[in-house]
Protein backbone atom coordinates (compact mmCIF):
# COMPACT_ATOMS: atom_id res chain seq x y z
CA UNK A 1 0.00 0.00 0.00
CA UNK A 2 1.44 3.41 -0.95
CA UNK A 3 1.56 6.25 1.59
CA UNK A 4 -1.25 7.98 -0.33
CA UNK A 5 -3.44 4.86 -0.15
CA UNK A 6 -2.71 4.40 3.55
CA UNK A 7 -3.60 8.03 4.26
CA UNK A 8 -6.84 7.64 2.30
CA UNK A 9 -7.67 4.58 4.41
CA UNK A 10 -6.95 6.49 7.64
CA UNK A 11 -9.05 9.43 6.49
CA UNK A 12 -11.91 7.09 5.63
CA UNK A 13 -11.82 5.77 9.20
CA UNK A 14 -11.63 9.25 10.70
CA UNK A 15 -14.46 10.56 8.51
CA UNK A 16 -16.68 7.79 9.87
CA UNK A 17 -16.32 9.63 13.18
CA UNK A 18 -18.43 12.48 11.81
CA UNK A 19 -21.47 10.34 12.59
CA UNK A 20 -20.62 9.51 16.20
CA UNK A 21 -21.59 12.19 18.75
CA UNK A 22 -19.67 12.29 22.02
CA UNK A 23 -20.45 14.40 25.08
CA UNK A 24 -23.77 15.26 23.45
CA UNK A 25 -22.22 18.24 21.71
CA UNK A 26 -19.52 17.28 19.22
CA UNK A 27 -18.74 14.42 16.90
CA UNK A 28 -15.75 12.15 17.40
CA UNK A 29 -14.20 13.68 14.27
CA UNK A 30 -14.73 17.24 15.58
CA UNK A 31 -13.04 16.27 18.84
CA UNK A 32 -10.12 14.67 17.00
CA UNK A 33 -9.66 17.75 14.82
CA UNK A 34 -9.73 20.01 17.90
CA UNK A 35 -7.00 17.94 19.58
CA UNK A 36 -4.90 18.24 16.41
CA UNK A 37 -5.58 22.00 16.20
CA UNK A 38 -4.45 22.48 19.81
CA UNK A 39 -1.25 20.56 19.00
CA UNK A 40 -0.65 22.56 15.84
CA UNK A 41 -1.35 25.89 17.59
CA UNK A 42 1.22 25.06 20.26
CA UNK A 43 3.94 24.51 17.65
CA UNK A 44 4.13 20.73 18.07
CA UNK A 45 6.17 18.80 15.51
CA UNK A 46 4.36 16.95 12.73
CA UNK A 47 4.63 13.51 14.33
CA UNK A 48 2.96 14.89 17.48
CA UNK A 49 0.22 16.59 15.44
CA UNK A 50 -0.40 13.26 13.70
CA UNK A 51 -0.58 11.58 17.11
CA UNK A 52 -3.21 14.16 18.09
CA UNK A 53 -5.22 13.23 14.99
CA UNK A 54 -4.86 9.53 15.73
CA UNK A 55 -5.22 9.79 19.50
CA UNK A 56 -8.68 8.26 19.57
CA UNK A 57 -8.23 5.93 16.59
CA UNK A 58 -9.59 3.02 18.64
CA UNK A 59 -12.97 4.77 18.52
CA UNK A 60 -12.85 4.48 14.73
CA UNK A 61 -11.42 0.97 14.30
CA UNK A 62 -13.27 -2.30 14.83
CA UNK A 63 -13.69 -3.19 18.49
CA UNK A 64 -12.37 -6.28 20.18
CA UNK A 65 -15.96 -7.56 20.42
CA UNK A 66 -15.94 -7.81 16.64
CA UNK A 67 -12.90 -10.08 16.63
CA UNK A 68 -14.95 -12.99 15.30
CA UNK A 69 -15.02 -11.13 11.96
CA UNK A 70 -11.23 -11.04 11.68
CA UNK A 71 -10.87 -13.65 9.00
CA UNK A 72 -14.00 -12.75 7.06
CA UNK A 73 -12.69 -9.55 5.49
CA UNK A 74 -15.70 -7.65 6.85
CA UNK A 75 -14.84 -4.30 8.44
CA UNK A 76 -11.21 -5.33 8.93
CA UNK A 77 -10.01 -4.73 5.38
CA UNK A 78 -8.27 -1.52 6.39
CA UNK A 79 -6.43 -3.27 9.18
CA UNK A 80 -4.75 -5.74 6.82
CA UNK A 81 -5.20 -8.42 9.44
CA UNK A 82 -3.50 -11.65 8.54
CA UNK A 83 -0.05 -12.17 7.15
CA UNK A 84 2.23 -9.72 8.95
CA UNK A 85 -0.23 -8.53 11.59
CA UNK A 86 -1.70 -10.82 14.21
CA UNK A 87 -4.69 -9.72 16.25
CA UNK A 88 -3.98 -9.78 19.97
CA UNK A 89 -7.05 -9.40 22.19
CA UNK A 90 -4.90 -7.86 24.91
CA UNK A 91 -4.32 -4.84 22.68
CA UNK A 92 -6.66 -2.04 21.80
CA UNK A 93 -7.81 -2.05 18.17
CA UNK A 94 -6.31 1.41 17.70
CA UNK A 95 -2.92 0.21 18.94
CA UNK A 96 -3.07 -2.63 16.45
CA UNK A 97 -4.02 -0.28 13.65
CA UNK A 98 -1.00 1.94 14.34
CA UNK A 99 1.35 -1.06 14.41
CA UNK A 100 0.79 -1.53 10.69
CA UNK A 101 3.74 -0.64 8.50
CA UNK A 102 3.97 3.03 7.63
CA UNK A 103 3.03 4.85 10.82
CA UNK A 104 5.86 6.86 12.41
CA UNK A 105 7.21 5.21 15.57
CA UNK A 106 6.97 8.41 17.60
CA UNK A 107 3.35 8.94 16.58
CA UNK A 108 2.48 5.36 17.48
CA UNK A 109 4.25 5.57 20.84
CA UNK A 110 2.50 8.84 21.75
CA UNK A 111 -0.92 7.38 20.96
CA UNK A 112 -0.27 4.09 22.73
CA UNK A 113 0.81 5.91 25.90
CA UNK A 114 -2.35 7.88 26.47
CA UNK A 115 -3.82 5.68 29.19
CA UNK A 116 -0.49 5.87 31.01
CA UNK A 117 -0.33 9.65 30.57
CA UNK A 118 -3.83 10.02 32.01
CA UNK A 119 -2.95 7.71 34.91
CA UNK A 120 0.08 9.91 35.55
CA UNK A 121 -1.88 13.17 35.35
CA UNK A 122 -4.62 11.80 37.60
CA UNK A 123 -1.97 10.88 40.18
CA UNK A 124 -0.47 14.37 40.28
CA UNK A 125 -3.71 16.36 39.81
CA UNK A 126 -6.89 15.09 41.45
CA UNK A 127 -8.96 17.39 39.21
CA UNK A 128 -7.49 16.16 35.93
CA UNK A 129 -10.18 15.06 33.51
CA UNK A 130 -12.96 15.79 35.97
CA UNK A 131 -16.27 15.15 34.24
CA UNK A 132 -14.60 13.76 31.11
CA UNK A 133 -12.79 10.58 32.05
CA UNK A 134 -15.62 8.09 32.18
CA UNK A 135 -13.72 5.00 33.28
CA UNK A 136 -11.83 5.32 36.54
CA UNK A 137 -8.18 4.69 35.81
CA UNK A 138 -5.87 3.24 38.43
CA UNK A 139 -3.49 6.06 39.31
CA UNK A 140 0.27 5.71 39.08
CA UNK A 141 2.13 4.94 42.26
CA UNK A 142 5.15 7.08 43.15
CA UNK A 143 7.62 4.61 41.54
CA UNK A 144 5.44 4.44 38.40
CA UNK A 145 5.33 8.26 38.21
CA UNK A 146 9.10 8.49 38.61
CA UNK A 147 9.67 5.90 35.88
CA UNK A 148 7.21 7.63 33.53
CA UNK A 149 8.95 10.98 34.07
CA UNK A 150 12.19 9.44 32.73
CA UNK A 151 10.59 8.55 29.40
CA UNK A 152 12.23 10.57 26.57
CA UNK A 153 8.73 11.44 25.26
CA UNK A 154 7.32 12.22 28.71
CA UNK A 155 6.46 15.87 28.01
CA UNK A 156 4.77 15.15 24.67
CA UNK A 157 2.79 12.23 26.14
CA UNK A 158 1.49 14.36 29.00
CA UNK A 159 0.73 17.32 26.73
CA UNK A 160 -1.22 15.12 24.33
CA UNK A 161 -3.40 13.87 27.20
CA UNK A 162 -4.02 17.47 28.28
CA UNK A 163 -5.01 18.50 24.74
CA UNK A 164 -7.40 15.54 24.58
CA UNK A 165 -9.23 16.72 27.70
CA UNK A 166 -9.07 20.41 26.69
CA UNK A 167 -10.60 19.65 23.28
CA UNK A 168 -13.82 18.64 25.03
CA UNK A 169 -14.46 22.19 26.21
CA UNK A 170 -12.64 24.44 23.77
CA UNK A 171 -14.56 26.47 21.22
CA UNK A 172 -11.73 26.66 18.68
CA UNK A 173 -12.60 26.16 15.04
CA UNK A 174 -10.38 23.32 13.83
CA UNK A 175 -8.94 22.97 10.35
CA UNK A 176 -10.60 20.44 8.07
CA UNK A 177 -9.24 16.90 8.03
CA UNK A 178 -7.99 17.19 4.47
CA UNK A 179 -5.58 19.99 5.48
CA UNK A 180 -3.51 17.27 7.18
CA UNK A 181 -3.25 15.01 4.12
CA UNK A 182 0.19 16.20 2.94
CA UNK A 183 1.54 16.10 6.50
CA UNK A 184 0.41 12.50 6.79
CA UNK A 185 1.95 11.54 3.45
CA UNK A 186 5.29 13.21 4.35
CA UNK A 187 5.48 11.26 7.59
CA UNK A 188 4.33 7.83 6.47
CA UNK A 189 7.29 5.47 6.28
C-alpha atoms as a PDB file:
ATOM      1  CA  UNK A   1       0.000   0.000   0.000  1.00  0.00           C
ATOM      2  CA  UNK A   2       1.438   3.410  -0.952  1.00  0.00           C
ATOM      3  CA  UNK A   3       1.561   6.247   1.595  1.00  0.00           C
ATOM      4  CA  UNK A   4      -1.246   7.982  -0.326  1.00  0.00           C
ATOM      5  CA  UNK A   5      -3.438   4.863  -0.150  1.00  0.00           C
ATOM      6  CA  UNK A   6      -2.709   4.395   3.552  1.00  0.00           C
ATOM      7  CA  UNK A   7      -3.599   8.027   4.256  1.00  0.00           C
ATOM      8  CA  UNK A   8      -6.842   7.643   2.298  1.00  0.00           C
ATOM      9  CA  UNK A   9      -7.666   4.576   4.412  1.00  0.00           C
ATOM     10  CA  UNK A  10      -6.946   6.489   7.642  1.00  0.00           C
ATOM     11  CA  UNK A  11      -9.055   9.426   6.487  1.00  0.00           C
ATOM     12  CA  UNK A  12     -11.915   7.086   5.625  1.00  0.00           C
ATOM     13  CA  UNK A  13     -11.819   5.771   9.196  1.00  0.00           C
ATOM     14  CA  UNK A  14     -11.634   9.245  10.704  1.00  0.00           C
ATOM     15  CA  UNK A  15     -14.457  10.558   8.508  1.00  0.00           C
ATOM     16  CA  UNK A  16     -16.678   7.791   9.871  1.00  0.00           C
ATOM     17  CA  UNK A  17     -16.322   9.626  13.181  1.00  0.00           C
ATOM     18  CA  UNK A  18     -18.429  12.478  11.815  1.00  0.00           C
ATOM     19  CA  UNK A  19     -21.473  10.338  12.587  1.00  0.00           C
ATOM     20  CA  UNK A  20     -20.625   9.508  16.203  1.00  0.00           C
ATOM     21  CA  UNK A  21     -21.589  12.189  18.747  1.00  0.00           C
ATOM     22  CA  UNK A  22     -19.675  12.292  22.020  1.00  0.00           C
ATOM     23  CA  UNK A  23     -20.447  14.400  25.080  1.00  0.00           C
ATOM     24  CA  UNK A  24     -23.773  15.256  23.454  1.00  0.00           C
ATOM     25  CA  UNK A  25     -22.224  18.238  21.706  1.00  0.00           C
ATOM     26  CA  UNK A  26     -19.516  17.285  19.218  1.00  0.00           C
ATOM     27  CA  UNK A  27     -18.736  14.420  16.902  1.00  0.00           C
ATOM     28  CA  UNK A  28     -15.753  12.151  17.400  1.00  0.00           C
ATOM     29  CA  UNK A  29     -14.196  13.679  14.271  1.00  0.00           C
ATOM     30  CA  UNK A  30     -14.729  17.243  15.578  1.00  0.00           C
ATOM     31  CA  UNK A  31     -13.040  16.275  18.841  1.00  0.00           C
ATOM     32  CA  UNK A  32     -10.118  14.675  16.996  1.00  0.00           C
ATOM     33  CA  UNK A  33      -9.660  17.753  14.818  1.00  0.00           C
ATOM     34  CA  UNK A  34      -9.725  20.007  17.899  1.00  0.00           C
ATOM     35  CA  UNK A  35      -6.998  17.942  19.584  1.00  0.00           C
ATOM     36  CA  UNK A  36      -4.895  18.245  16.411  1.00  0.00           C
ATOM     37  CA  UNK A  37      -5.583  22.002  16.197  1.00  0.00           C
ATOM     38  CA  UNK A  38      -4.448  22.479  19.810  1.00  0.00           C
ATOM     39  CA  UNK A  39      -1.251  20.559  19.003  1.00  0.00           C
ATOM     40  CA  UNK A  40      -0.647  22.561  15.844  1.00  0.00           C
ATOM     41  CA  UNK A  41      -1.349  25.894  17.585  1.00  0.00           C
ATOM     42  CA  UNK A  42       1.220  25.056  20.257  1.00  0.00           C
ATOM     43  CA  UNK A  43       3.939  24.510  17.648  1.00  0.00           C
ATOM     44  CA  UNK A  44       4.128  20.725  18.071  1.00  0.00           C
ATOM     45  CA  UNK A  45       6.173  18.800  15.511  1.00  0.00           C
ATOM     46  CA  UNK A  46       4.365  16.945  12.728  1.00  0.00           C
ATOM     47  CA  UNK A  47       4.625  13.506  14.333  1.00  0.00           C
ATOM     48  CA  UNK A  48       2.962  14.890  17.475  1.00  0.00           C
ATOM     49  CA  UNK A  49       0.221  16.594  15.441  1.00  0.00           C
ATOM     50  CA  UNK A  50      -0.400  13.264  13.702  1.00  0.00           C
ATOM     51  CA  UNK A  51      -0.581  11.585  17.113  1.00  0.00           C
ATOM     52  CA  UNK A  52      -3.208  14.160  18.089  1.00  0.00           C
ATOM     53  CA  UNK A  53      -5.219  13.235  14.986  1.00  0.00           C
ATOM     54  CA  UNK A  54      -4.862   9.529  15.732  1.00  0.00           C
ATOM     55  CA  UNK A  55      -5.220   9.792  19.503  1.00  0.00           C
ATOM     56  CA  UNK A  56      -8.683   8.261  19.572  1.00  0.00           C
ATOM     57  CA  UNK A  57      -8.229   5.925  16.592  1.00  0.00           C
ATOM     58  CA  UNK A  58      -9.588   3.017  18.640  1.00  0.00           C
ATOM     59  CA  UNK A  59     -12.969   4.774  18.524  1.00  0.00           C
ATOM     60  CA  UNK A  60     -12.846   4.485  14.730  1.00  0.00           C
ATOM     61  CA  UNK A  61     -11.417   0.972  14.301  1.00  0.00           C
ATOM     62  CA  UNK A  62     -13.275  -2.297  14.830  1.00  0.00           C
ATOM     63  CA  UNK A  63     -13.687  -3.188  18.487  1.00  0.00           C
ATOM     64  CA  UNK A  64     -12.374  -6.285  20.177  1.00  0.00           C
ATOM     65  CA  UNK A  65     -15.955  -7.555  20.421  1.00  0.00           C
ATOM     66  CA  UNK A  66     -15.944  -7.811  16.636  1.00  0.00           C
ATOM     67  CA  UNK A  67     -12.898 -10.082  16.628  1.00  0.00           C
ATOM     68  CA  UNK A  68     -14.952 -12.990  15.295  1.00  0.00           C
ATOM     69  CA  UNK A  69     -15.018 -11.126  11.963  1.00  0.00           C
ATOM     70  CA  UNK A  70     -11.228 -11.039  11.680  1.00  0.00           C
ATOM     71  CA  UNK A  71     -10.874 -13.655   8.995  1.00  0.00           C
ATOM     72  CA  UNK A  72     -13.999 -12.752   7.056  1.00  0.00           C
ATOM     73  CA  UNK A  73     -12.692  -9.552   5.489  1.00  0.00           C
ATOM     74  CA  UNK A  74     -15.702  -7.650   6.853  1.00  0.00           C
ATOM     75  CA  UNK A  75     -14.841  -4.299   8.443  1.00  0.00           C
ATOM     76  CA  UNK A  76     -11.208  -5.326   8.931  1.00  0.00           C
ATOM     77  CA  UNK A  77     -10.009  -4.728   5.377  1.00  0.00           C
ATOM     78  CA  UNK A  78      -8.274  -1.516   6.388  1.00  0.00           C
ATOM     79  CA  UNK A  79      -6.430  -3.274   9.181  1.00  0.00           C
ATOM     80  CA  UNK A  80      -4.752  -5.736   6.816  1.00  0.00           C
ATOM     81  CA  UNK A  81      -5.197  -8.422   9.441  1.00  0.00           C
ATOM     82  CA  UNK A  82      -3.496 -11.655   8.535  1.00  0.00           C
ATOM     83  CA  UNK A  83      -0.054 -12.166   7.148  1.00  0.00           C
ATOM     84  CA  UNK A  84       2.230  -9.725   8.953  1.00  0.00           C
ATOM     85  CA  UNK A  85      -0.232  -8.534  11.586  1.00  0.00           C
ATOM     86  CA  UNK A  86      -1.695 -10.815  14.208  1.00  0.00           C
ATOM     87  CA  UNK A  87      -4.687  -9.724  16.248  1.00  0.00           C
ATOM     88  CA  UNK A  88      -3.983  -9.783  19.967  1.00  0.00           C
ATOM     89  CA  UNK A  89      -7.046  -9.405  22.192  1.00  0.00           C
ATOM     90  CA  UNK A  90      -4.896  -7.861  24.908  1.00  0.00           C
ATOM     91  CA  UNK A  91      -4.321  -4.838  22.675  1.00  0.00           C
ATOM     92  CA  UNK A  92      -6.658  -2.038  21.796  1.00  0.00           C
ATOM     93  CA  UNK A  93      -7.807  -2.052  18.165  1.00  0.00           C
ATOM     94  CA  UNK A  94      -6.308   1.412  17.704  1.00  0.00           C
ATOM     95  CA  UNK A  95      -2.921   0.210  18.943  1.00  0.00           C
ATOM     96  CA  UNK A  96      -3.073  -2.628  16.449  1.00  0.00           C
ATOM     97  CA  UNK A  97      -4.018  -0.277  13.649  1.00  0.00           C
ATOM     98  CA  UNK A  98      -1.001   1.938  14.342  1.00  0.00           C
ATOM     99  CA  UNK A  99       1.352  -1.062  14.409  1.00  0.00           C
ATOM    100  CA  UNK A 100       0.793  -1.530  10.691  1.00  0.00           C
ATOM    101  CA  UNK A 101       3.744  -0.641   8.498  1.00  0.00           C
ATOM    102  CA  UNK A 102       3.969   3.034   7.635  1.00  0.00           C
ATOM    103  CA  UNK A 103       3.030   4.848  10.818  1.00  0.00           C
ATOM    104  CA  UNK A 104       5.860   6.857  12.409  1.00  0.00           C
ATOM    105  CA  UNK A 105       7.210   5.214  15.572  1.00  0.00           C
ATOM    106  CA  UNK A 106       6.974   8.412  17.603  1.00  0.00           C
ATOM    107  CA  UNK A 107       3.350   8.941  16.575  1.00  0.00           C
ATOM    108  CA  UNK A 108       2.480   5.360  17.484  1.00  0.00           C
ATOM    109  CA  UNK A 109       4.247   5.574  20.836  1.00  0.00           C
ATOM    110  CA  UNK A 110       2.501   8.840  21.750  1.00  0.00           C
ATOM    111  CA  UNK A 111      -0.918   7.381  20.961  1.00  0.00           C
ATOM    112  CA  UNK A 112      -0.267   4.094  22.735  1.00  0.00           C
ATOM    113  CA  UNK A 113       0.815   5.914  25.903  1.00  0.00           C
ATOM    114  CA  UNK A 114      -2.352   7.885  26.465  1.00  0.00           C
ATOM    115  CA  UNK A 115      -3.816   5.681  29.186  1.00  0.00           C
ATOM    116  CA  UNK A 116      -0.493   5.872  31.014  1.00  0.00           C
ATOM    117  CA  UNK A 117      -0.333   9.645  30.572  1.00  0.00           C
ATOM    118  CA  UNK A 118      -3.829  10.023  32.011  1.00  0.00           C
ATOM    119  CA  UNK A 119      -2.953   7.706  34.915  1.00  0.00           C
ATOM    120  CA  UNK A 120       0.081   9.909  35.555  1.00  0.00           C
ATOM    121  CA  UNK A 121      -1.881  13.166  35.355  1.00  0.00           C
ATOM    122  CA  UNK A 122      -4.616  11.798  37.596  1.00  0.00           C
ATOM    123  CA  UNK A 123      -1.974  10.877  40.178  1.00  0.00           C
ATOM    124  CA  UNK A 124      -0.469  14.375  40.278  1.00  0.00           C
ATOM    125  CA  UNK A 125      -3.713  16.364  39.813  1.00  0.00           C
ATOM    126  CA  UNK A 126      -6.890  15.086  41.446  1.00  0.00           C
ATOM    127  CA  UNK A 127      -8.962  17.391  39.209  1.00  0.00           C
ATOM    128  CA  UNK A 128      -7.485  16.164  35.929  1.00  0.00           C
ATOM    129  CA  UNK A 129     -10.182  15.061  33.514  1.00  0.00           C
ATOM    130  CA  UNK A 130     -12.961  15.789  35.968  1.00  0.00           C
ATOM    131  CA  UNK A 131     -16.265  15.155  34.240  1.00  0.00           C
ATOM    132  CA  UNK A 132     -14.601  13.762  31.108  1.00  0.00           C
ATOM    133  CA  UNK A 133     -12.790  10.576  32.054  1.00  0.00           C
ATOM    134  CA  UNK A 134     -15.624   8.091  32.177  1.00  0.00           C
ATOM    135  CA  UNK A 135     -13.724   5.004  33.282  1.00  0.00           C
ATOM    136  CA  UNK A 136     -11.829   5.323  36.543  1.00  0.00           C
ATOM    137  CA  UNK A 137      -8.181   4.692  35.807  1.00  0.00           C
ATOM    138  CA  UNK A 138      -5.867   3.236  38.432  1.00  0.00           C
ATOM    139  CA  UNK A 139      -3.486   6.058  39.309  1.00  0.00           C
ATOM    140  CA  UNK A 140       0.267   5.715  39.075  1.00  0.00           C
ATOM    141  CA  UNK A 141       2.127   4.944  42.263  1.00  0.00           C
ATOM    142  CA  UNK A 142       5.154   7.085  43.150  1.00  0.00           C
ATOM    143  CA  UNK A 143       7.616   4.610  41.538  1.00  0.00           C
ATOM    144  CA  UNK A 144       5.443   4.444  38.397  1.00  0.00           C
ATOM    145  CA  UNK A 145       5.331   8.260  38.215  1.00  0.00           C
ATOM    146  CA  UNK A 146       9.103   8.495  38.606  1.00  0.00           C
ATOM    147  CA  UNK A 147       9.674   5.897  35.884  1.00  0.00           C
ATOM    148  CA  UNK A 148       7.207   7.626  33.530  1.00  0.00           C
ATOM    149  CA  UNK A 149       8.950  10.983  34.073  1.00  0.00           C
ATOM    150  CA  UNK A 150      12.191   9.444  32.734  1.00  0.00           C
ATOM    151  CA  UNK A 151      10.586   8.549  29.399  1.00  0.00           C
ATOM    152  CA  UNK A 152      12.227  10.569  26.568  1.00  0.00           C
ATOM    153  CA  UNK A 153       8.730  11.443  25.257  1.00  0.00           C
ATOM    154  CA  UNK A 154       7.316  12.218  28.709  1.00  0.00           C
ATOM    155  CA  UNK A 155       6.461  15.874  28.011  1.00  0.00           C
ATOM    156  CA  UNK A 156       4.773  15.147  24.672  1.00  0.00           C
ATOM    157  CA  UNK A 157       2.786  12.230  26.142  1.00  0.00           C
ATOM    158  CA  UNK A 158       1.485  14.360  28.999  1.00  0.00           C
ATOM    159  CA  UNK A 159       0.730  17.318  26.730  1.00  0.00           C
ATOM    160  CA  UNK A 160      -1.219  15.115  24.327  1.00  0.00           C
ATOM    161  CA  UNK A 161      -3.398  13.867  27.198  1.00  0.00           C
ATOM    162  CA  UNK A 162      -4.017  17.468  28.281  1.00  0.00           C
ATOM    163  CA  UNK A 163      -5.013  18.497  24.736  1.00  0.00           C
ATOM    164  CA  UNK A 164      -7.397  15.537  24.585  1.00  0.00           C
ATOM    165  CA  UNK A 165      -9.230  16.718  27.696  1.00  0.00           C
ATOM    166  CA  UNK A 166      -9.068  20.413  26.695  1.00  0.00           C
ATOM    167  CA  UNK A 167     -10.602  19.652  23.284  1.00  0.00           C
ATOM    168  CA  UNK A 168     -13.824  18.637  25.032  1.00  0.00           C
ATOM    169  CA  UNK A 169     -14.459  22.186  26.214  1.00  0.00           C
ATOM    170  CA  UNK A 170     -12.641  24.442  23.770  1.00  0.00           C
ATOM    171  CA  UNK A 171     -14.560  26.471  21.220  1.00  0.00           C
ATOM    172  CA  UNK A 172     -11.726  26.656  18.681  1.00  0.00           C
ATOM    173  CA  UNK A 173     -12.600  26.163  15.043  1.00  0.00           C
ATOM    174  CA  UNK A 174     -10.383  23.324  13.826  1.00  0.00           C
ATOM    175  CA  UNK A 175      -8.942  22.975  10.352  1.00  0.00           C
ATOM    176  CA  UNK A 176     -10.595  20.436   8.067  1.00  0.00           C
ATOM    177  CA  UNK A 177      -9.244  16.896   8.033  1.00  0.00           C
ATOM    178  CA  UNK A 178      -7.986  17.186   4.466  1.00  0.00           C
ATOM    179  CA  UNK A 179      -5.575  19.986   5.477  1.00  0.00           C
ATOM    180  CA  UNK A 180      -3.509  17.271   7.182  1.00  0.00           C
ATOM    181  CA  UNK A 181      -3.251  15.011   4.123  1.00  0.00           C
ATOM    182  CA  UNK A 182       0.188  16.202   2.938  1.00  0.00           C
ATOM    183  CA  UNK A 183       1.544  16.100   6.503  1.00  0.00           C
ATOM    184  CA  UNK A 184       0.407  12.496   6.795  1.00  0.00           C
ATOM    185  CA  UNK A 185       1.953  11.540   3.449  1.00  0.00           C
ATOM    186  CA  UNK A 186       5.287  13.207   4.355  1.00  0.00           C
ATOM    187  CA  UNK A 187       5.485  11.260   7.594  1.00  0.00           C
ATOM    188  CA  UNK A 188       4.327   7.828   6.474  1.00  0.00           C
ATOM    189  CA  UNK A 189       7.286   5.467   6.281  1.00  0.00           C
END
